[in-house]
Amino acid sequence: MDAYCFKCRAKKEIKGAQPVTLKNGRPATQGTCAVCGTKLYRIGKA
């Protein structure tokens, strides 16, 4: 799964992706950028 990395300024692969639920109940995917290690979030079902 890909997400936009603000540090790399490009779409990158999510490393160690885990499904999470946000405070408002929406599903999301959390992980780290495979290139720079920045935290990435992708809102919506995986």
C-alpha atoms as a PDB file:
ATOM      1  CA  MET A   1       0.000   0.000   0.000  1.00  0.00           C
ATOM      2  CA  ASP A   2       1.238   3.497  -0.825  1.00  0.00           C
ATOM      3  CA  ALA A   3       0.843   6.785   1.050  1.00  0.00           C
ATOM      4  CA  TYR A   4       2.147  10.310   0.477  1.00  0.00           C
ATOM      5  CA  CYS A   5       5.344  11.044   2.398  1.00  0.00           C
ATOM      6  CA  PHE A   6       5.668  14.741   3.225  1.00  0.00           C
ATOM      7  CA  LYS A   7       9.414  14.464   3.818  1.00  0.00           C
ATOM      8  CA  CYS A   8      10.146  12.727   0.484  1.00  0.00           C
ATOM      9  CA  ARG A   9       7.360  14.692  -1.266  1.00  0.00           C
ATOM     10  CA  ALA A  10       6.237  11.607  -3.173  1.00  0.00           C
ATOM     11  CA  LYS A  11       4.077   8.501  -2.814  1.00  0.00           C
ATOM     12  CA  LYS A  12       6.066   5.788  -1.063  1.00  0.00           C
ATOM     13  CA  GLU A  13       5.470   2.222   0.105  1.00  0.00           C
ATOM     14  CA  ILE A  14       4.249   1.852   3.707  1.00  0.00           C
ATOM     15  CA  LYS A  15       6.641  -0.355   5.695  1.00  0.00           C
ATOM     16  CA  GLY A  16       5.182  -2.249   8.671  1.00  0.00           C
ATOM     17  CA  ALA A  17       1.598  -1.290   7.812  1.00  0.00           C
ATOM     18  CA  GLN A  18      -0.960  -1.870  10.583  1.00  0.00           C
ATOM     19  CA  PRO A  19      -4.714  -1.210  10.519  1.00  0.00           C
ATOM     20  CA  VAL A  20      -5.789   1.369  13.123  1.00  0.00           C
ATOM     21  CA  THR A  21      -8.983   3.192  14.061  1.00  0.00           C
ATOM     22  CA  LEU A  22      -8.893   6.970  14.393  1.00  0.00           C
ATOM     23  CA  LYS A  23     -10.571   8.840  17.288  1.00  0.00           C
ATOM     24  CA  ASN A  24     -13.632   9.564  15.148  1.00  0.00           C
ATOM     25  CA  GLY A  25     -14.052   5.861  14.316  1.00  0.00           C
ATOM     26  CA  ARG A  26     -12.708   5.957  10.749  1.00  0.00           C
ATOM     27  CA  PRO A  27     -10.399   3.131   9.640  1.00  0.00           C
ATOM     28  CA  ALA A  28      -6.813   3.960   8.637  1.00  0.00           C
ATOM     29  CA  THR A  29      -3.450   2.350   7.983  1.00  0.00           C
ATOM     30  CA  GLN A  30      -0.348   3.406   9.922  1.00  0.00           C
ATOM     31  CA  GLY A  31       3.278   2.619   9.148  1.00  0.00           C
ATOM     32  CA  THR A  32       6.606   4.156   8.205  1.00  0.00           C
ATOM     33  CA  CYS A  33       8.128   5.351   4.946  1.00  0.00           C
ATOM     34  CA  ALA A  34      10.345   2.672   3.405  1.00  0.00           C
ATOM     35  CA  VAL A  35      12.884   5.340   2.344  1.00  0.00           C
ATOM     36  CA  CYS A  36      13.222   7.900   5.179  1.00  0.00           C
ATOM     37  CA  GLY A  37      11.390   6.294   8.137  1.00  0.00           C
ATOM     38  CA  THR A  38       8.793   9.068   8.634  1.00  0.00           C
ATOM     39  CA  LYS A  39       5.404   8.015  10.064  1.00  0.00           C
ATOM     40  CA  LEU A  40       2.754   7.587   7.353  1.00  0.00           C
ATOM     41  CA  TYR A  41      -1.024   7.413   7.609  1.00  0.00           C
ATOM     42  CA  ARG A  42      -3.516   6.429   4.945  1.00  0.00           C
ATOM     43  CA  ILE A  43      -7.157   7.072   5.827  1.00  0.00           C
ATOM     44  CA  GLY A  44      -9.674   4.532   4.548  1.00  0.00           C
ATOM     45  CA  LYS A  45      -9.937   0.760   4.420  1.00  0.00           C
ATOM     46  CA  ALA A  46      -6.792  -1.185   3.568  1.00  0.00           C
END
